[in-house]
Amino acid sequence: MSKRPEDDLWTPHTVEETQDIYRRWAKEYDSDVLSWGYATPTRVARALRAAGAEVSQPILDFGCGTGLSGQALAAEGFSLIDGTDISPEMLVKAKERNLYRSIWLGLPGKCDEVLPGDYAGIVATGVVSMGAAPPETLALLVSLLAPGNLLAFSYNDATLADSGYMNALDSACNSDGMALVFEEHGPHLPEKKVESTVYVLQRT
């Protein structure tokens, strides 16, 4: 039996390996994760709203994938959503949702298109995690926040067990001018018996 792309989740990968996983998975991604009860996009969107994000302000969906996170943001009332991802195949699916004001193919480890303060809120749903973006991506996202801006993101169980990602979280929380304003552990992929913690950081 040939391996499915999701068989390689939650283990370390190179950028090229990650892009290959999502290239092969793009067509079935939505049906697969939704069948597993994928709960984190809704939890992240609700956390961003609960932390005080205004629905009329622009939001960046970093690592937007096929747009499930953008769909969750829209369901919470956010209306100005931009998206970026490093997988062109996943972006094709995201564009088809007609949710995003702007959407672009990003470069791994960079977000040069964005200046601090461009977005009142940034979400990274399942992005900074084991098998996806490396721990240092969190510092990149924090660097894009101006005073008052919010960053909502999630760590799944495998990520929570990794010292590199937890050290990155500690560094972000302890950075000058940053405050952890929301933290909640809950369902991620219930059918896979995987949970996640949703965090929201704010630059004060």
N, C-alpha and C. Protein backbone atom coordinates (compact mmCIF):
# COMPACT_ATOMS: atom_id res chain seq x y z
N MET A 1 0.85 -1.19 0.00
CA MET A 1 0.00 0.00 0.00
C MET A 1 0.90 1.25 0.00
N SER A 2 0.64 2.17 -0.91
CA SER A 2 1.44 3.39 -0.99
C SER A 2 1.08 4.32 0.17
N LYS A 3 2.08 5.11 0.58
CA LYS A 3 1.87 6.04 1.69
C LYS A 3 0.99 7.20 1.26
N ARG A 4 0.14 7.64 2.17
CA ARG A 4 -0.66 8.84 1.97
C ARG A 4 0.15 10.03 2.47
N PRO A 5 -0.06 11.23 1.93
CA PRO A 5 0.69 12.39 2.40
C PRO A 5 0.59 12.60 3.91
N GLU A 6 -0.59 12.37 4.48
CA GLU A 6 -0.76 12.62 5.91
C GLU A 6 0.00 11.62 6.78
N ASP A 7 0.49 10.53 6.19
CA ASP A 7 1.28 9.58 6.96
C ASP A 7 2.59 10.20 7.46
N ASP A 8 3.00 11.29 6.83
CA ASP A 8 4.25 11.95 7.18
C ASP A 8 4.06 13.16 8.08
N LEU A 9 2.86 13.37 8.58
CA LEU A 9 2.63 14.52 9.44
C LEU A 9 3.34 14.37 10.77
N TRP A 10 3.60 15.53 11.41
CA TRP A 10 4.07 15.58 12.80
C TRP A 10 5.45 14.97 13.00
N THR A 11 6.25 15.00 11.93
CA THR A 11 7.66 14.64 12.02
C THR A 11 8.45 15.72 11.29
N PRO A 12 9.71 15.93 11.64
CA PRO A 12 10.48 17.01 11.01
C PRO A 12 10.65 16.79 9.51
N HIS A 13 10.59 17.90 8.74
CA HIS A 13 10.76 17.84 7.29
C HIS A 13 11.58 19.03 6.82
N THR A 14 12.23 18.84 5.68
CA THR A 14 12.82 19.98 4.99
C THR A 14 11.69 20.76 4.33
N VAL A 15 12.01 21.98 3.89
CA VAL A 15 11.02 22.78 3.17
C VAL A 15 10.52 22.03 1.94
N GLU A 16 11.45 21.43 1.22
CA GLU A 16 11.07 20.71 -0.01
C GLU A 16 10.15 19.54 0.30
N GLU A 17 10.43 18.82 1.37
CA GLU A 17 9.56 17.71 1.75
C GLU A 17 8.17 18.20 2.14
N THR A 18 8.11 19.29 2.87
CA THR A 18 6.82 19.86 3.26
C THR A 18 6.01 20.27 2.03
N GLN A 19 6.67 20.95 1.10
CA GLN A 19 5.97 21.36 -0.12
C GLN A 19 5.47 20.15 -0.90
N ASP A 20 6.26 19.08 -0.92
CA ASP A 20 5.84 17.87 -1.64
C ASP A 20 4.63 17.22 -0.98
N ILE A 21 4.63 17.18 0.36
CA ILE A 21 3.49 16.60 1.08
C ILE A 21 2.20 17.33 0.69
N TYR A 22 2.24 18.67 0.74
CA TYR A 22 1.01 19.42 0.47
C TYR A 22 0.68 19.48 -1.02
N ARG A 23 1.69 19.34 -1.87
CA ARG A 23 1.40 19.22 -3.30
C ARG A 23 0.60 17.96 -3.58
N ARG A 24 1.00 16.85 -2.96
CA ARG A 24 0.32 15.58 -3.18
C ARG A 24 -1.02 15.51 -2.47
N TRP A 25 -1.17 16.31 -1.42
CA TRP A 25 -2.37 16.22 -0.58
C TRP A 25 -3.43 17.25 -0.95
N ALA A 26 -3.10 18.23 -1.78
CA ALA A 26 -3.99 19.37 -2.00
C ALA A 26 -5.40 18.96 -2.41
N LYS A 27 -5.51 17.99 -3.27
CA LYS A 27 -6.83 17.64 -3.80
C LYS A 27 -7.74 17.02 -2.73
N GLU A 28 -7.16 16.20 -1.86
CA GLU A 28 -7.97 15.51 -0.85
C GLU A 28 -7.90 16.15 0.53
N TYR A 29 -7.12 17.21 0.68
CA TYR A 29 -6.86 17.78 2.00
C TYR A 29 -8.15 18.13 2.74
N ASP A 30 -9.01 18.91 2.12
CA ASP A 30 -10.23 19.36 2.81
C ASP A 30 -11.09 18.19 3.26
N SER A 31 -11.34 17.25 2.35
CA SER A 31 -12.21 16.13 2.71
C SER A 31 -11.59 15.28 3.81
N ASP A 32 -10.25 15.13 3.78
CA ASP A 32 -9.58 14.33 4.81
C ASP A 32 -9.69 14.99 6.18
N VAL A 33 -9.24 16.24 6.29
CA VAL A 33 -9.19 16.86 7.62
C VAL A 33 -10.58 17.13 8.17
N LEU A 34 -11.53 17.44 7.30
CA LEU A 34 -12.89 17.66 7.78
C LEU A 34 -13.51 16.35 8.27
N SER A 35 -13.15 15.25 7.65
CA SER A 35 -13.65 13.95 8.12
C SER A 35 -13.06 13.59 9.48
N TRP A 36 -11.92 14.19 9.81
CA TRP A 36 -11.29 13.96 11.11
C TRP A 36 -11.77 14.97 12.15
N GLY A 37 -12.70 15.83 11.77
CA GLY A 37 -13.28 16.79 12.71
C GLY A 37 -12.44 18.02 12.96
N TYR A 38 -11.68 18.44 11.98
CA TYR A 38 -10.72 19.54 12.12
C TYR A 38 -11.35 20.75 12.80
N ALA A 39 -10.95 21.01 14.05
CA ALA A 39 -11.60 22.03 14.87
C ALA A 39 -10.77 23.29 15.05
N THR A 40 -9.46 23.23 14.79
CA THR A 40 -8.58 24.34 15.15
C THR A 40 -8.86 25.63 14.38
N PRO A 41 -9.18 25.61 13.09
CA PRO A 41 -9.46 26.89 12.41
C PRO A 41 -10.55 27.70 13.10
N THR A 42 -11.64 27.06 13.48
CA THR A 42 -12.72 27.76 14.18
C THR A 42 -12.26 28.26 15.54
N ARG A 43 -11.49 27.45 16.25
CA ARG A 43 -11.00 27.85 17.56
C ARG A 43 -10.06 29.05 17.47
N VAL A 44 -9.19 29.07 16.45
CA VAL A 44 -8.26 30.19 16.28
C VAL A 44 -9.03 31.46 15.93
N ALA A 45 -9.99 31.36 15.01
CA ALA A 45 -10.77 32.53 14.62
C ALA A 45 -11.55 33.10 15.81
N ARG A 46 -12.13 32.23 16.60
CA ARG A 46 -12.89 32.68 17.76
C ARG A 46 -11.97 33.30 18.83
N ALA A 47 -10.77 32.74 18.96
CA ALA A 47 -9.81 33.29 19.92
C ALA A 47 -9.38 34.69 19.51
N LEU A 48 -9.16 34.89 18.22
CA LEU A 48 -8.78 36.21 17.72
C LEU A 48 -9.88 37.22 18.03
N ARG A 49 -11.10 36.83 17.79
CA ARG A 49 -12.24 37.71 18.07
C ARG A 49 -12.36 37.96 19.58
N ALA A 50 -12.19 36.91 20.39
CA ALA A 50 -12.30 37.05 21.84
C ALA A 50 -11.21 37.95 22.40
N ALA A 51 -10.06 37.99 21.73
CA ALA A 51 -8.94 38.83 22.19
C ALA A 51 -9.13 40.29 21.83
N GLY A 52 -10.20 40.60 21.09
CA GLY A 52 -10.52 41.99 20.82
C GLY A 52 -10.29 42.46 19.41
N ALA A 53 -9.99 41.54 18.48
CA ALA A 53 -9.79 41.95 17.09
C ALA A 53 -11.09 42.49 16.50
N GLU A 54 -10.99 43.61 15.81
CA GLU A 54 -12.16 44.20 15.15
C GLU A 54 -12.37 43.52 13.80
N VAL A 55 -13.60 43.10 13.54
CA VAL A 55 -13.87 42.34 12.32
C VAL A 55 -13.72 43.18 11.06
N SER A 56 -13.74 44.51 11.21
CA SER A 56 -13.61 45.39 10.04
C SER A 56 -12.15 45.68 9.68
N GLN A 57 -11.21 45.23 10.52
CA GLN A 57 -9.79 45.49 10.28
C GLN A 57 -9.16 44.34 9.48
N PRO A 58 -8.10 44.62 8.72
CA PRO A 58 -7.48 43.58 7.87
C PRO A 58 -6.79 42.51 8.70
N ILE A 59 -6.94 41.27 8.23
CA ILE A 59 -6.35 40.10 8.87
C ILE A 59 -5.51 39.35 7.84
N LEU A 60 -4.32 38.90 8.27
CA LEU A 60 -3.48 38.06 7.41
C LEU A 60 -3.60 36.61 7.85
N ASP A 61 -3.98 35.76 6.91
CA ASP A 61 -4.04 34.32 7.13
C ASP A 61 -2.72 33.74 6.61
N PHE A 62 -1.76 33.61 7.52
CA PHE A 62 -0.41 33.17 7.17
C PHE A 62 -0.38 31.64 7.13
N GLY A 63 0.04 31.08 5.99
CA GLY A 63 -0.03 29.64 5.82
C GLY A 63 -1.46 29.20 5.62
N CYS A 64 -2.16 29.89 4.74
CA CYS A 64 -3.62 29.73 4.60
C CYS A 64 -4.03 28.39 4.02
N GLY A 65 -3.11 27.67 3.37
CA GLY A 65 -3.47 26.38 2.81
C GLY A 65 -4.60 26.47 1.81
N THR A 66 -5.60 25.62 1.98
CA THR A 66 -6.74 25.61 1.06
C THR A 66 -7.81 26.63 1.44
N GLY A 67 -7.57 27.36 2.52
CA GLY A 67 -8.52 28.40 2.90
C GLY A 67 -9.49 28.04 3.99
N LEU A 68 -9.29 26.90 4.65
CA LEU A 68 -10.20 26.54 5.75
C LEU A 68 -10.11 27.54 6.89
N SER A 69 -8.92 28.05 7.14
CA SER A 69 -8.78 29.05 8.20
C SER A 69 -9.43 30.37 7.80
N GLY A 70 -9.31 30.74 6.53
CA GLY A 70 -9.99 31.93 6.04
C GLY A 70 -11.49 31.79 6.12
N GLN A 71 -11.98 30.61 5.83
CA GLN A 71 -13.42 30.35 5.93
C GLN A 71 -13.89 30.51 7.37
N ALA A 72 -13.08 30.04 8.33
CA ALA A 72 -13.44 30.19 9.75
C ALA A 72 -13.42 31.65 10.17
N LEU A 73 -12.45 32.42 9.67
CA LEU A 73 -12.40 33.85 9.96
C LEU A 73 -13.64 34.56 9.42
N ALA A 74 -14.01 34.22 8.20
CA ALA A 74 -15.20 34.84 7.60
C ALA A 74 -16.45 34.50 8.40
N ALA A 75 -16.52 33.28 8.90
CA ALA A 75 -17.68 32.86 9.70
C ALA A 75 -17.78 33.65 11.00
N GLU A 76 -16.64 34.16 11.49
CA GLU A 76 -16.63 34.98 12.70
C GLU A 76 -16.89 36.46 12.40
N GLY A 77 -17.05 36.79 11.11
CA GLY A 77 -17.38 38.15 10.73
C GLY A 77 -16.26 38.97 10.15
N PHE A 78 -15.04 38.42 10.10
CA PHE A 78 -13.92 39.16 9.51
C PHE A 78 -14.13 39.27 8.01
N SER A 79 -13.93 40.47 7.48
CA SER A 79 -14.29 40.72 6.08
C SER A 79 -13.11 41.12 5.20
N LEU A 80 -11.99 41.52 5.79
CA LEU A 80 -10.81 41.91 5.01
C LEU A 80 -9.69 40.92 5.31
N ILE A 81 -9.65 39.84 4.55
CA ILE A 81 -8.72 38.75 4.83
C ILE A 81 -7.78 38.57 3.63
N ASP A 82 -6.49 38.59 3.90
CA ASP A 82 -5.48 38.27 2.89
C ASP A 82 -4.85 36.94 3.27
N GLY A 83 -4.35 36.22 2.27
CA GLY A 83 -3.75 34.92 2.55
C GLY A 83 -2.45 34.70 1.82
N THR A 84 -1.58 33.92 2.44
CA THR A 84 -0.32 33.53 1.79
C THR A 84 0.04 32.12 2.22
N ASP A 85 0.72 31.41 1.33
CA ASP A 85 1.15 30.04 1.61
C ASP A 85 2.32 29.72 0.68
N ILE A 86 3.11 28.71 1.06
CA ILE A 86 4.24 28.32 0.21
C ILE A 86 3.88 27.19 -0.75
N SER A 87 2.64 26.72 -0.70
CA SER A 87 2.20 25.64 -1.59
C SER A 87 1.30 26.19 -2.69
N PRO A 88 1.76 26.23 -3.93
CA PRO A 88 0.90 26.74 -5.01
C PRO A 88 -0.34 25.88 -5.21
N GLU A 89 -0.21 24.59 -4.97
CA GLU A 89 -1.37 23.70 -5.17
C GLU A 89 -2.45 23.98 -4.13
N MET A 90 -2.05 24.24 -2.91
CA MET A 90 -3.04 24.57 -1.87
C MET A 90 -3.67 25.93 -2.15
N LEU A 91 -2.87 26.88 -2.65
CA LEU A 91 -3.40 28.22 -2.94
C LEU A 91 -4.47 28.19 -4.02
N VAL A 92 -4.34 27.28 -4.96
CA VAL A 92 -5.38 27.15 -6.00
C VAL A 92 -6.73 26.90 -5.34
N LYS A 93 -6.74 26.01 -4.35
CA LYS A 93 -7.98 25.70 -3.63
C LYS A 93 -8.47 26.91 -2.82
N ALA A 94 -7.53 27.62 -2.20
CA ALA A 94 -7.91 28.79 -1.41
C ALA A 94 -8.55 29.86 -2.28
N LYS A 95 -7.99 30.09 -3.46
CA LYS A 95 -8.54 31.11 -4.36
C LYS A 95 -9.96 30.78 -4.77
N GLU A 96 -10.25 29.50 -4.92
CA GLU A 96 -11.59 29.08 -5.35
C GLU A 96 -12.67 29.43 -4.33
N ARG A 97 -12.29 29.70 -3.10
CA ARG A 97 -13.28 30.05 -2.07
C ARG A 97 -13.78 31.49 -2.20
N ASN A 98 -13.04 32.31 -2.92
CA ASN A 98 -13.42 33.72 -3.10
C ASN A 98 -13.63 34.43 -1.76
N LEU A 99 -12.76 34.11 -0.79
CA LEU A 99 -12.83 34.72 0.52
C LEU A 99 -11.80 35.83 0.71
N TYR A 100 -10.72 35.74 -0.04
CA TYR A 100 -9.56 36.57 0.23
C TYR A 100 -9.54 37.83 -0.63
N ARG A 101 -9.22 38.93 0.02
CA ARG A 101 -9.03 40.20 -0.70
C ARG A 101 -7.80 40.12 -1.59
N SER A 102 -6.74 39.53 -1.05
CA SER A 102 -5.49 39.35 -1.78
C SER A 102 -4.89 38.02 -1.34
N ILE A 103 -4.21 37.36 -2.25
CA ILE A 103 -3.62 36.06 -1.92
C ILE A 103 -2.35 35.90 -2.73
N TRP A 104 -1.29 35.39 -2.09
CA TRP A 104 -0.03 35.28 -2.83
C TRP A 104 0.80 34.10 -2.35
N LEU A 105 1.67 33.64 -3.25
CA LEU A 105 2.61 32.56 -2.97
C LEU A 105 3.80 33.13 -2.21
N GLY A 106 4.01 32.64 -1.00
CA GLY A 106 5.09 33.14 -0.18
C GLY A 106 6.37 32.33 -0.34
N LEU A 107 7.44 32.85 0.21
CA LEU A 107 8.73 32.17 0.25
C LEU A 107 8.96 31.62 1.65
N PRO A 108 9.48 30.42 1.76
CA PRO A 108 9.71 29.84 3.09
C PRO A 108 10.59 30.74 3.96
N GLY A 109 10.14 30.97 5.18
CA GLY A 109 10.92 31.74 6.13
C GLY A 109 10.89 33.24 5.93
N LYS A 110 10.06 33.72 5.01
CA LYS A 110 10.00 35.14 4.73
C LYS A 110 8.55 35.61 4.64
N CYS A 111 8.37 36.91 4.86
CA CYS A 111 7.08 37.54 4.58
C CYS A 111 7.36 39.00 4.26
N ASP A 112 8.19 39.21 3.23
CA ASP A 112 8.67 40.55 2.89
C ASP A 112 7.57 41.47 2.37
N GLU A 113 6.43 40.89 2.02
CA GLU A 113 5.32 41.69 1.50
C GLU A 113 4.61 42.47 2.60
N VAL A 114 4.90 42.15 3.85
CA VAL A 114 4.15 42.71 4.97
C VAL A 114 5.07 43.56 5.85
N LEU A 115 4.59 44.74 6.21
CA LEU A 115 5.29 45.60 7.15
C LEU A 115 4.56 45.58 8.49
N PRO A 116 5.29 45.81 9.60
CA PRO A 116 4.62 45.85 10.90
C PRO A 116 3.45 46.84 10.90
N GLY A 117 2.30 46.36 11.34
CA GLY A 117 1.13 47.21 11.40
C GLY A 117 0.22 47.12 10.20
N ASP A 118 0.65 46.40 9.16
CA ASP A 118 -0.23 46.26 7.98
C ASP A 118 -1.52 45.52 8.34
N TYR A 119 -1.43 44.64 9.33
CA TYR A 119 -2.59 43.82 9.70
C TYR A 119 -2.87 43.95 11.20
N ALA A 120 -4.12 44.20 11.52
CA ALA A 120 -4.51 44.26 12.93
C ALA A 120 -4.39 42.91 13.59
N GLY A 121 -4.55 41.86 12.79
CA GLY A 121 -4.43 40.50 13.31
C GLY A 121 -3.77 39.59 12.29
N ILE A 122 -2.98 38.67 12.77
CA ILE A 122 -2.37 37.62 11.95
C ILE A 122 -2.76 36.29 12.55
N VAL A 123 -3.18 35.35 11.71
CA VAL A 123 -3.45 34.00 12.19
C VAL A 123 -2.51 33.03 11.49
N ALA A 124 -2.09 32.02 12.24
CA ALA A 124 -1.25 30.95 11.69
C ALA A 124 -1.79 29.64 12.27
N THR A 125 -2.77 29.09 11.60
CA THR A 125 -3.49 27.92 12.09
C THR A 125 -2.75 26.65 11.70
N GLY A 126 -2.15 25.99 12.68
CA GLY A 126 -1.43 24.75 12.39
C GLY A 126 -0.20 24.95 11.53
N VAL A 127 0.34 26.15 11.51
CA VAL A 127 1.45 26.48 10.61
C VAL A 127 2.79 26.33 11.30
N VAL A 128 2.95 26.99 12.44
CA VAL A 128 4.20 26.87 13.20
C VAL A 128 4.09 25.58 14.00
N SER A 129 4.49 24.48 13.39
CA SER A 129 4.25 23.19 14.03
C SER A 129 5.17 22.12 13.47
N MET A 130 5.33 21.07 14.23
CA MET A 130 6.13 19.94 13.83
C MET A 130 5.64 19.40 12.48
N GLY A 131 6.55 19.32 11.52
CA GLY A 131 6.20 18.83 10.20
C GLY A 131 5.79 19.91 9.23
N ALA A 132 5.63 21.14 9.73
CA ALA A 132 5.27 22.26 8.85
C ALA A 132 6.35 23.33 8.98
N ALA A 133 6.00 24.54 9.39
CA ALA A 133 6.99 25.61 9.49
C ALA A 133 7.84 25.44 10.75
N PRO A 134 9.12 25.79 10.69
CA PRO A 134 10.02 25.61 11.83
C PRO A 134 9.75 26.60 12.96
N PRO A 135 10.33 26.36 14.14
CA PRO A 135 10.05 27.21 15.30
C PRO A 135 10.32 28.69 15.08
N GLU A 136 11.37 29.01 14.33
CA GLU A 136 11.75 30.42 14.15
C GLU A 136 10.69 31.22 13.38
N THR A 137 9.74 30.53 12.76
CA THR A 137 8.65 31.23 12.07
C THR A 137 7.84 32.07 13.05
N LEU A 138 7.77 31.64 14.30
CA LEU A 138 7.00 32.40 15.28
C LEU A 138 7.61 33.79 15.49
N ALA A 139 8.94 33.86 15.57
CA ALA A 139 9.61 35.16 15.72
C ALA A 139 9.37 36.04 14.51
N LEU A 140 9.33 35.44 13.31
CA LEU A 140 9.03 36.20 12.10
C LEU A 140 7.65 36.85 12.22
N LEU A 141 6.66 36.09 12.65
CA LEU A 141 5.30 36.62 12.76
C LEU A 141 5.21 37.70 13.83
N VAL A 142 5.90 37.50 14.93
CA VAL A 142 5.91 38.50 15.99
C VAL A 142 6.50 39.82 15.48
N SER A 143 7.50 39.72 14.61
CA SER A 143 8.15 40.92 14.07
C SER A 143 7.23 41.74 13.18
N LEU A 144 6.11 41.16 12.76
CA LEU A 144 5.17 41.86 11.87
C LEU A 144 4.06 42.58 12.64
N LEU A 145 4.14 42.54 13.96
CA LEU A 145 3.11 43.17 14.79
C LEU A 145 3.53 44.57 15.21
N ALA A 146 2.62 45.53 15.05
CA ALA A 146 2.76 46.87 15.61
C ALA A 146 1.95 46.92 16.90
N PRO A 147 2.13 47.94 17.73
CA PRO A 147 1.37 48.03 18.98
C PRO A 147 -0.14 47.89 18.76
N GLY A 148 -0.73 47.02 19.56
CA GLY A 148 -2.16 46.74 19.46
C GLY A 148 -2.50 45.56 18.58
N ASN A 149 -1.58 45.14 17.71
CA ASN A 149 -1.84 44.02 16.80
C ASN A 149 -1.81 42.69 17.54
N LEU A 150 -2.54 41.73 16.98
CA LEU A 150 -2.70 40.40 17.59
C LEU A 150 -2.17 39.31 16.67
N LEU A 151 -1.62 38.27 17.28
CA LEU A 151 -1.18 37.07 16.56
C LEU A 151 -1.85 35.86 17.19
N ALA A 152 -2.69 35.16 16.42
CA ALA A 152 -3.37 33.95 16.90
C ALA A 152 -2.79 32.75 16.17
N PHE A 153 -2.41 31.73 16.92
CA PHE A 153 -1.78 30.56 16.31
C PHE A 153 -2.04 29.33 17.17
N SER A 154 -1.65 28.17 16.66
CA SER A 154 -1.91 26.93 17.38
C SER A 154 -0.69 26.03 17.37
N TYR A 155 -0.56 25.26 18.44
CA TYR A 155 0.44 24.19 18.56
C TYR A 155 -0.32 22.88 18.78
N ASN A 156 -0.12 21.89 17.91
CA ASN A 156 -0.74 20.60 18.15
C ASN A 156 0.08 19.79 19.16
N ASP A 157 -0.40 18.61 19.50
CA ASP A 157 0.23 17.82 20.56
C ASP A 157 1.71 17.54 20.29
N ALA A 158 2.03 17.17 19.05
CA ALA A 158 3.43 16.87 18.71
C ALA A 158 4.30 18.11 18.88
N THR A 159 3.76 19.25 18.54
CA THR A 159 4.50 20.51 18.67
C THR A 159 4.69 20.89 20.12
N LEU A 160 3.65 20.69 20.92
CA LEU A 160 3.74 20.97 22.35
C LEU A 160 4.78 20.11 23.05
N ALA A 161 5.08 18.96 22.47
CA ALA A 161 6.07 18.05 23.07
C ALA A 161 7.49 18.32 22.59
N ASP A 162 7.67 19.29 21.72
CA ASP A 162 8.99 19.57 21.14
C ASP A 162 9.61 20.80 21.81
N SER A 163 10.81 20.64 22.34
CA SER A 163 11.44 21.73 23.09
C SER A 163 11.76 22.94 22.22
N GLY A 164 12.08 22.70 20.95
CA GLY A 164 12.39 23.82 20.06
C GLY A 164 11.21 24.76 19.88
N TYR A 165 10.03 24.18 19.68
CA TYR A 165 8.84 25.01 19.52
C TYR A 165 8.43 25.67 20.83
N MET A 166 8.59 24.96 21.92
CA MET A 166 8.23 25.55 23.21
C MET A 166 9.20 26.67 23.60
N ASN A 167 10.47 26.51 23.26
CA ASN A 167 11.43 27.59 23.51
C ASN A 167 11.09 28.82 22.68
N ALA A 168 10.65 28.59 21.42
CA ALA A 168 10.25 29.71 20.58
C ALA A 168 9.04 30.43 21.17
N LEU A 169 8.11 29.67 21.72
CA LEU A 169 6.94 30.26 22.36
C LEU A 169 7.34 31.07 23.59
N ASP A 170 8.23 30.50 24.42
CA ASP A 170 8.69 31.22 25.60
C ASP A 170 9.38 32.53 25.21
N SER A 171 10.20 32.48 24.17
CA SER A 171 10.90 33.69 23.73
C SER A 171 9.92 34.75 23.26
N ALA A 172 8.90 34.31 22.51
CA ALA A 172 7.89 35.26 22.02
C ALA A 172 7.12 35.88 23.18
N CYS A 173 6.72 35.05 24.13
CA CYS A 173 5.93 35.56 25.27
C CYS A 173 6.73 36.51 26.14
N ASN A 174 8.04 36.31 26.18
CA ASN A 174 8.89 37.12 27.05
C ASN A 174 9.58 38.28 26.33
N SER A 175 9.24 38.46 25.05
CA SER A 175 9.81 39.58 24.30
C SER A 175 9.25 40.89 24.83
N ASP A 176 10.06 41.93 24.79
CA ASP A 176 9.61 43.25 25.22
C ASP A 176 8.38 43.68 24.43
N GLY A 177 7.37 44.13 25.14
CA GLY A 177 6.17 44.65 24.49
C GLY A 177 5.20 43.58 24.03
N MET A 178 5.44 42.31 24.39
CA MET A 178 4.52 41.24 23.99
C MET A 178 3.79 40.69 25.21
N ALA A 179 2.53 40.35 25.03
CA ALA A 179 1.73 39.78 26.11
C ALA A 179 0.92 38.60 25.58
N LEU A 180 0.89 37.52 26.35
CA LEU A 180 0.03 36.39 26.03
C LEU A 180 -1.36 36.69 26.59
N VAL A 181 -2.34 36.88 25.69
CA VAL A 181 -3.67 37.32 26.12
C VAL A 181 -4.73 36.22 26.02
N PHE A 182 -4.35 35.07 25.44
CA PHE A 182 -5.32 33.98 25.31
C PHE A 182 -4.55 32.67 25.20
N GLU A 183 -5.03 31.65 25.91
CA GLU A 183 -4.45 30.29 25.83
C GLU A 183 -5.54 29.29 26.15
N GLU A 184 -5.74 28.33 25.24
CA GLU A 184 -6.80 27.33 25.47
C GLU A 184 -6.44 26.03 24.78
N HIS A 185 -6.43 24.95 25.54
CA HIS A 185 -6.21 23.62 24.97
C HIS A 185 -7.55 23.00 24.63
N GLY A 186 -7.62 22.30 23.49
CA GLY A 186 -8.88 21.71 23.07
C GLY A 186 -8.71 20.84 21.85
N PRO A 187 -9.81 20.51 21.19
CA PRO A 187 -9.77 19.57 20.06
C PRO A 187 -9.05 20.14 18.84
N HIS A 188 -8.33 19.28 18.17
CA HIS A 188 -7.66 19.61 16.91
C HIS A 188 -8.21 18.70 15.81
N LEU A 189 -7.87 17.42 15.89
CA LEU A 189 -8.41 16.41 14.98
C LEU A 189 -8.99 15.29 15.84
N PRO A 190 -10.23 15.43 16.29
CA PRO A 190 -10.80 14.47 17.23
C PRO A 190 -10.75 13.01 16.76
N GLU A 191 -10.97 12.79 15.48
CA GLU A 191 -10.97 11.42 14.98
C GLU A 191 -9.58 10.80 15.02
N LYS A 192 -8.56 11.63 15.06
CA LYS A 192 -7.18 11.15 15.18
C LYS A 192 -6.70 11.21 16.63
N LYS A 193 -7.59 11.67 17.53
CA LYS A 193 -7.25 11.81 18.95
C LYS A 193 -6.06 12.74 19.15
N VAL A 194 -6.07 13.84 18.40
CA VAL A 194 -5.03 14.86 18.50
C VAL A 194 -5.67 16.17 18.95
N GLU A 195 -5.04 16.83 19.92
CA GLU A 195 -5.54 18.11 20.40
C GLU A 195 -4.53 19.21 20.08
N SER A 196 -4.90 20.43 20.39
CA SER A 196 -4.00 21.57 20.14
C SER A 196 -4.29 22.66 21.17
N THR A 197 -3.28 23.49 21.38
CA THR A 197 -3.45 24.68 22.20
C THR A 197 -3.46 25.90 21.28
N VAL A 198 -4.45 26.75 21.46
CA VAL A 198 -4.56 28.00 20.71
C VAL A 198 -4.05 29.13 21.60
N TYR A 199 -3.18 29.95 21.03
CA TYR A 199 -2.61 31.09 21.73
C TYR A 199 -2.93 32.38 20.98
N VAL A 200 -3.03 33.47 21.71
CA VAL A 200 -3.06 34.80 21.09
C VAL A 200 -2.05 35.68 21.82
N LEU A 201 -1.14 36.25 21.04
CA LEU A 201 -0.17 37.21 21.55
C LEU A 201 -0.56 38.60 21.07
N GLN A 202 -0.29 39.61 21.88
CA GLN A 202 -0.55 41.00 21.50
C GLN A 202 0.69 41.85 21.78
N ARG A 203 1.00 42.71 20.80
CA ARG A 203 2.05 43.67 21.05
C ARG A 203 1.41 44.88 21.73
N THR A 204 1.91 45.22 22.89
CA THR A 204 1.30 46.29 23.71
C THR A 204 1.88 47.65 23.34
